[in-house]
Every structure is written in C-alpha cells, then in structure tokens.
Amino acid sequence: MTAGPFRRCTLEVADGRYDEVVGALLDLGLDGWQESLPVVTFWLTDEAWDAAQRGGALAALRGLGRLFVEPEEGGWEDQWRSFHHPVTVGAVTVRPPWWAPQPDTLDVIIHVGMAFGTGSHPTTRQCLAALDGLPRGSLLDAGTGTGVLALSAMRLGFAPVFALDNDPAALVIAEANARRNGLRPLLFGADVTDPAIELPDAEVVVANIALTPIVALGSRYAGALAAGAAHPHTVVLAGLLNEQLAPALAAFGGYRRRHTDSEGEWSCLVLEAPHR
C-alpha cells in the first residue's frame, strides 16, 4: 500500500456471498484486507475509490452486503501491520516480514501483496494442520495464492512441491515469497477447471479454493482412480463452507473420508484413495 489519503471500507458480507466478495476485492487490485467474518475491511486511495465508483466495482460490492465508508485517520499503516501477526500451526510458524522468527518452529515468511493467504484465515490453518499430520512426499498446491501452503509444505519436508494458480498476480507474489524463504517450489499458471490442463503427479494434493474448482478436481481424480491412472493418494480440501462438504465429498468418487475439521462456518476435508 502506498502513502496518501485512504478510505476505510467495511463490508458486512451477506450470507452465502463470501466467495463473490473475495472475487470482487481481487478485481479491485487490493494489497489485501482484514477479515473478521462476516465483516471484511479494506482500504482504498481517493484515486482508487473514484475508479471503483466509475467502473461499478463499489456498486457490485454493495450488492453483496452492507458497505460503510469513512476517511481513514493517520496511523492506519501500523494498524494494518498489527493485524498481520505470526500464526503457529503444528511445527510451522507463518509470519509477515516485519515480525521476527519465532523460536523452535519452522519459519515461513509471507508478504500478502494482492494474493490470498497469510496463515491467519481458518481455512489456511486447517490446511497447515492437515499437512503437518501427513506422511511426507510429493505435493501439489492447487490455487497457491501467496504460496503459503506450498512453502510450508517444503519446510515440513514435502518434495517435490508443485504450486499452481490461475491468477498471474498471485504467482508473482508466490515467487517473491519463495525468494524470501530461500525455497524453490515449481510454480506454474493453470486453471484446474480446464480438463485439457495436465496436472503434475503428486502423492498429496492440497486445494484451499472455492467449491467449483474443487468439484472439477474431484471429477478429474475420481476418473483417474476409476481408470487405474495416476492419482493422488491424499487430498486436502479447504475453503469450503460447512454446507459445501457434501458436494465436495461427492465429487471425489472412490475416495474415502479420512478426517473432517471444522472451525466456525469453515470446514476442511482430508480424503484418501484406497491403497494400491
């Protein structure tokens, strides 16, 4: 975020509209936002505010909840930084660059930029906890965002680690975070909903994404399992609202549920294929 006049925008998200809100915020090109669901807070410069009004982005957000806007007083940068703090899950601590490393944990530095994933969101914590308890092996992070799960997996000992995203801006952020950590995941751009895209073979797949791409992944891997083709042994699915568990599970035909973790309105599924 750059210095200058800012407006604090607080959106009370309507039920069932969270995924649409995230998409709208990313379309605004934000440097991130705060979440304390159902409330999302973000900041816009006067210039960005005017552009969002002209382009209809603010009208779109108002259609997804109740939007309140007020001028931001001085010191908001410190408030932004204080919101992003170290998060320890199992053996891993995810921290922003302005915090010091935490003792006796595996250190992962994440600068948010415009991508999703700081370690503080329940879905990210659920994935980190799931990965910490899995046997190490090759891993694909489908929808890597900031790279937080791919980089954490590497710290935990998974290798090789592949990370994909369909957003070029996210890949830029993930690459920068990889450099900050001295790690080299295999990053590439891809849309998992496109069946023509070939995905790398991996023993573990983690997908902290929306239901639609999760269902597309499920169709791909269920088909591979039924055909006796290469498929992941373990799949970690997050970014799911509690009511989306059933369709996510149904999409992965042939896989069995190993574990379900719920926090508030968010759920995480750990599935495994039958032993080969």
Protein backbone atom coordinates (compact mmCIF):
# COMPACT_ATOMS: atom_id res chain seq x y z
CA MET A 1 0.00 0.00 0.00
CA THR A 2 1.26 3.46 -0.80
CA ALA A 3 1.09 6.54 1.35
CA GLY A 4 -1.69 9.10 0.85
CA PRO A 5 -5.33 9.71 1.75
CA PHE A 6 -7.23 6.49 2.30
CA ARG A 7 -10.83 5.49 2.90
CA ARG A 8 -11.65 2.65 5.25
CA CYS A 9 -14.33 0.44 3.70
CA THR A 10 -16.19 -2.01 5.94
CA LEU A 11 -18.40 -4.61 4.30
CA GLU A 12 -20.86 -6.75 6.24
CA VAL A 13 -20.97 -9.78 3.94
CA ALA A 14 -24.41 -11.20 3.18
CA ASP A 15 -24.96 -14.89 3.87
CA GLY A 16 -23.53 -17.11 1.18
CA ARG A 17 -21.77 -14.30 -0.72
CA TYR A 18 -18.23 -14.61 0.66
CA ASP A 19 -16.69 -16.15 -2.47
CA GLU A 20 -18.17 -13.37 -4.60
CA VAL A 21 -16.78 -10.75 -2.21
CA VAL A 22 -13.27 -12.22 -2.46
CA GLY A 23 -13.51 -12.12 -6.25
CA ALA A 24 -14.68 -8.50 -6.19
CA LEU A 25 -11.86 -7.47 -3.83
CA LEU A 26 -9.24 -9.14 -6.02
CA ASP A 27 -10.70 -7.37 -9.04
CA LEU A 28 -10.06 -4.08 -7.22
CA GLY A 29 -6.34 -4.90 -7.14
CA LEU A 30 -6.09 -4.52 -3.37
CA ASP A 31 -2.95 -5.15 -1.33
CA GLY A 32 -5.03 -7.33 0.99
CA TRP A 33 -7.83 -6.92 3.50
CA GLN A 34 -8.83 -7.79 7.05
CA GLU A 35 -11.42 -10.45 7.82
CA SER A 36 -13.46 -10.98 10.94
CA LEU A 37 -16.39 -12.64 9.25
CA PRO A 38 -18.99 -11.63 8.39
CA VAL A 39 -17.09 -8.31 8.29
CA VAL A 40 -14.37 -7.56 5.72
CA THR A 41 -12.34 -4.33 5.95
CA PHE A 42 -10.23 -2.85 3.19
CA TRP A 43 -8.69 0.49 2.25
CA LEU A 44 -8.86 2.49 -0.98
CA THR A 45 -6.96 5.60 -2.01
CA ASP A 46 -9.11 8.50 -3.21
CA GLU A 47 -7.96 7.70 -6.74
CA ALA A 48 -8.85 4.02 -6.42
CA TRP A 49 -12.18 4.97 -4.85
CA ASP A 50 -13.08 7.18 -7.80
CA ALA A 51 -12.05 4.47 -10.27
CA ALA A 52 -14.06 1.83 -8.39
CA GLN A 53 -17.11 4.07 -8.47
CA ARG A 54 -16.76 4.76 -12.19
CA GLY A 55 -16.17 1.09 -13.00
CA GLY A 56 -19.10 -0.17 -10.96
CA ALA A 57 -16.97 -2.18 -8.51
CA LEU A 58 -18.43 -0.43 -5.46
CA ALA A 59 -21.96 -0.98 -6.71
CA ALA A 60 -21.12 -4.67 -7.09
CA LEU A 61 -19.82 -4.84 -3.52
CA ARG A 62 -22.93 -3.09 -2.20
CA GLY A 63 -24.92 -5.87 -3.81
CA LEU A 64 -23.01 -8.41 -1.71
CA GLY A 65 -23.65 -6.88 1.72
CA ARG A 66 -23.76 -3.61 3.64
CA LEU A 67 -20.85 -1.28 2.81
CA PHE A 68 -19.76 1.51 5.16
CA VAL A 69 -17.07 4.02 4.15
CA GLU A 70 -15.22 6.66 6.19
CA PRO A 71 -11.97 8.61 5.86
CA GLU A 72 -9.04 6.79 7.48
CA GLU A 73 -7.17 8.73 10.13
CA GLY A 74 -3.38 8.71 10.41
CA GLY A 75 -1.58 5.62 11.63
CA TRP A 76 -3.60 3.14 9.58
CA GLU A 77 -0.38 1.56 8.25
CA ASP A 78 0.51 0.49 11.79
CA GLN A 79 -3.00 -0.89 12.24
CA TRP A 80 -2.59 -2.90 9.02
CA ARG A 81 0.69 -4.36 10.18
CA SER A 82 -0.64 -5.15 13.65
CA PHE A 83 -3.44 -7.18 12.06
CA HIS A 84 -0.96 -9.49 10.33
CA HIS A 85 0.94 -11.36 13.02
CA PRO A 86 2.70 -14.73 13.32
CA VAL A 87 0.49 -17.82 13.25
CA THR A 88 1.84 -21.14 14.53
CA VAL A 89 0.15 -24.36 13.48
CA GLY A 90 1.91 -27.58 14.44
CA ALA A 91 5.58 -27.31 13.55
CA VAL A 92 5.23 -24.26 11.28
CA THR A 93 5.05 -20.55 12.03
CA VAL A 94 3.81 -18.28 9.24
CA ARG A 95 4.84 -14.66 9.77
CA PRO A 96 4.92 -11.36 7.86
CA PRO A 97 8.38 -9.94 7.12
CA TRP A 98 8.15 -7.29 9.84
CA TRP A 99 7.93 -9.89 12.63
CA ALA A 100 10.98 -11.71 13.95
CA PRO A 101 11.28 -15.50 13.57
CA GLN A 102 9.61 -17.49 16.32
CA PRO A 103 11.83 -19.89 18.29
CA ASP A 104 11.66 -23.66 17.86
CA THR A 105 9.37 -23.64 14.82
CA LEU A 106 9.79 -23.92 11.06
CA ASP A 107 9.84 -20.38 9.71
CA VAL A 108 7.74 -19.31 6.71
CA ILE A 109 7.74 -15.62 5.70
CA ILE A 110 4.67 -14.44 3.80
CA HIS A 111 4.03 -10.98 2.43
CA VAL A 112 0.43 -10.78 1.32
CA GLY A 113 0.54 -8.47 -1.67
CA MET A 114 -2.65 -8.91 -3.72
CA ALA A 115 -3.00 -12.66 -3.15
CA PHE A 116 -4.94 -14.68 -0.60
CA GLY A 117 -3.19 -16.47 2.24
CA THR A 118 -1.49 -15.14 5.37
CA GLY A 119 -1.90 -18.09 7.72
CA SER A 120 -4.46 -16.28 9.85
CA HIS A 121 -7.56 -17.42 7.95
CA PRO A 122 -9.26 -20.56 9.36
CA THR A 123 -9.00 -22.40 6.03
CA THR A 124 -5.23 -21.86 5.85
CA ARG A 125 -4.78 -23.01 9.44
CA GLN A 126 -6.86 -26.11 8.71
CA CYS A 127 -4.65 -27.00 5.75
CA LEU A 128 -1.47 -26.43 7.74
CA ALA A 129 -2.71 -28.72 10.50
CA ALA A 130 -3.65 -31.40 7.97
CA LEU A 131 -0.28 -31.25 6.20
CA ASP A 132 1.60 -31.46 9.49
CA GLY A 133 -0.03 -34.84 10.15
CA LEU A 134 0.56 -36.44 6.73
CA PRO A 135 3.43 -38.65 5.53
CA ARG A 136 5.90 -36.60 3.50
CA GLY A 137 6.08 -36.99 -0.26
CA SER A 138 5.40 -35.07 -3.46
CA LEU A 139 2.72 -32.37 -3.19
CA LEU A 140 0.62 -30.16 -5.45
CA ASP A 141 -0.81 -26.91 -4.07
CA ALA A 142 -3.79 -26.14 -6.31
CA GLY A 143 -4.57 -22.42 -6.01
CA THR A 144 -1.40 -21.39 -4.22
CA GLY A 145 -2.21 -17.68 -3.73
CA THR A 146 0.68 -16.25 -1.71
CA GLY A 147 2.41 -19.64 -1.73
CA VAL A 148 1.83 -20.12 1.98
CA LEU A 149 0.85 -23.80 1.79
CA ALA A 150 3.46 -24.76 -0.79
CA LEU A 151 6.25 -23.08 1.19
CA SER A 152 5.03 -24.52 4.48
CA ALA A 153 4.92 -27.97 2.90
CA MET A 154 8.53 -27.58 1.80
CA ARG A 155 9.54 -26.58 5.31
CA LEU A 156 7.76 -29.71 6.59
CA GLY A 157 9.76 -31.90 4.22
CA PHE A 158 7.41 -32.48 1.27
CA ALA A 159 9.26 -32.74 -2.05
CA PRO A 160 8.97 -32.04 -4.85
CA VAL A 161 6.33 -29.34 -4.33
CA PHE A 162 4.30 -28.01 -7.27
CA ALA A 163 2.19 -24.87 -6.92
CA LEU A 164 -0.32 -23.54 -9.43
CA ASP A 165 -2.67 -20.60 -9.69
CA ASN A 166 -4.80 -19.17 -12.47
CA ASP A 167 -4.03 -15.60 -11.34
CA PRO A 168 -0.73 -14.21 -12.72
CA ALA A 169 -0.59 -11.65 -9.90
CA ALA A 170 -0.74 -14.44 -7.32
CA LEU A 171 2.15 -16.26 -9.00
CA VAL A 172 4.26 -13.09 -8.83
CA ILE A 173 3.56 -12.82 -5.09
CA ALA A 174 4.22 -16.54 -4.54
CA GLU A 175 7.54 -16.31 -6.39
CA ALA A 176 8.57 -13.30 -4.29
CA ASN A 177 7.67 -15.16 -1.09
CA ALA A 178 9.62 -18.20 -2.27
CA ARG A 179 12.69 -15.99 -2.69
CA ARG A 180 12.16 -14.51 0.79
CA ASN A 181 12.29 -18.03 2.20
CA GLY A 182 15.12 -19.30 0.02
CA LEU A 183 12.83 -22.00 -1.38
CA ARG A 184 12.06 -23.06 -4.95
CA PRO A 185 8.64 -24.65 -5.43
CA LEU A 186 7.72 -25.50 -9.02
CA LEU A 187 5.30 -22.66 -9.80
CA PHE A 188 3.10 -22.56 -12.89
CA GLY A 189 -0.08 -20.98 -14.16
CA ALA A 190 -3.09 -23.25 -14.71
CA ASP A 191 -6.85 -23.41 -14.30
CA VAL A 192 -7.87 -26.65 -12.59
CA THR A 193 -11.36 -26.39 -14.07
CA ASP A 194 -9.89 -26.92 -17.56
CA PRO A 195 -9.73 -30.69 -18.19
CA ALA A 196 -7.23 -30.11 -21.00
CA ILE A 197 -4.64 -28.87 -18.49
CA GLU A 198 -2.34 -31.69 -17.41
CA LEU A 199 -1.50 -31.57 -13.72
CA PRO A 200 1.72 -33.00 -12.28
CA ASP A 201 1.53 -36.32 -10.47
CA ALA A 202 1.71 -35.86 -6.71
CA GLU A 203 1.08 -38.09 -3.72
CA VAL A 204 -0.67 -35.26 -1.88
CA VAL A 205 -2.88 -32.51 -3.31
CA VAL A 206 -3.98 -29.55 -1.19
CA ALA A 207 -6.68 -27.24 -2.54
CA ASN A 208 -7.76 -24.25 -0.45
CA ILE A 209 -10.07 -22.86 -3.12
CA ALA A 210 -13.75 -22.41 -3.96
CA LEU A 211 -16.25 -25.24 -4.40
CA THR A 212 -16.45 -25.05 -8.21
CA PRO A 213 -12.75 -25.78 -8.85
CA ILE A 214 -12.78 -28.35 -6.05
CA VAL A 215 -15.58 -30.21 -7.83
CA ALA A 216 -13.58 -30.00 -11.08
CA LEU A 217 -10.56 -31.52 -9.32
CA GLY A 218 -12.79 -34.22 -7.88
CA SER A 219 -14.09 -35.17 -11.30
CA ARG A 220 -10.53 -35.38 -12.62
CA TYR A 221 -9.16 -37.51 -9.79
CA ALA A 222 -12.22 -39.73 -9.41
CA GLY A 223 -11.97 -40.53 -13.11
CA ALA A 224 -8.26 -41.32 -12.81
CA LEU A 225 -8.91 -43.54 -9.80
CA ALA A 226 -11.64 -45.47 -11.61
CA ALA A 227 -9.44 -45.92 -14.68
CA GLY A 228 -6.42 -47.06 -12.70
CA ALA A 229 -4.47 -44.00 -13.84
CA ALA A 230 -2.13 -41.87 -11.73
CA HIS A 231 -3.92 -40.05 -8.92
CA PRO A 232 -3.02 -38.54 -5.54
CA HIS A 233 -3.27 -40.79 -2.53
CA THR A 234 -4.31 -37.96 -0.19
CA VAL A 235 -6.34 -34.84 -0.95
CA VAL A 236 -6.79 -31.92 1.47
CA LEU A 237 -9.77 -29.73 0.59
CA ALA A 238 -10.46 -26.39 2.26
CA GLY A 239 -12.13 -23.08 1.50
CA LEU A 240 -15.40 -24.95 1.99
CA LEU A 241 -18.36 -23.64 3.91
CA ASN A 242 -19.94 -26.29 6.11
CA GLU A 243 -22.87 -26.79 3.75
CA GLN A 244 -20.44 -27.43 0.86
CA LEU A 245 -18.91 -30.55 2.43
CA ALA A 246 -21.41 -32.94 0.85
CA PRO A 247 -20.96 -31.82 -2.79
CA ALA A 248 -17.18 -31.70 -2.36
CA LEU A 249 -17.09 -35.23 -1.00
CA ALA A 250 -19.46 -36.49 -3.70
CA ALA A 251 -17.17 -35.12 -6.42
CA PHE A 252 -14.31 -37.39 -5.29
CA GLY A 253 -15.95 -40.70 -6.05
CA GLY A 254 -13.86 -43.65 -4.85
CA TYR A 255 -12.03 -41.60 -2.23
CA ARG A 256 -12.87 -42.11 1.42
CA ARG A 257 -13.07 -39.52 4.16
CA ARG A 258 -10.11 -39.68 6.50
CA HIS A 259 -10.77 -36.57 8.58
CA THR A 260 -13.02 -33.53 8.79
CA ASP A 261 -12.04 -30.36 10.62
CA SER A 262 -14.49 -27.50 11.20
CA GLU A 263 -13.93 -24.00 12.57
CA GLY A 264 -16.91 -21.71 12.63
CA GLU A 265 -18.50 -21.78 9.18
CA TRP A 266 -15.41 -23.30 7.51
CA SER A 267 -14.68 -26.99 7.01
CA CYS A 268 -11.68 -28.94 5.76
CA LEU A 269 -11.83 -32.45 4.29
CA VAL A 270 -8.95 -34.91 4.19
CA LEU A 271 -9.64 -37.70 1.71
CA GLU A 272 -7.59 -40.74 0.77
CA ALA A 273 -7.70 -43.20 -2.09
CA PRO A 274 -7.86 -46.94 -1.47
CA HIS A 275 -4.42 -48.45 -1.02
CA ARG A 276 -2.86 -49.51 -4.29
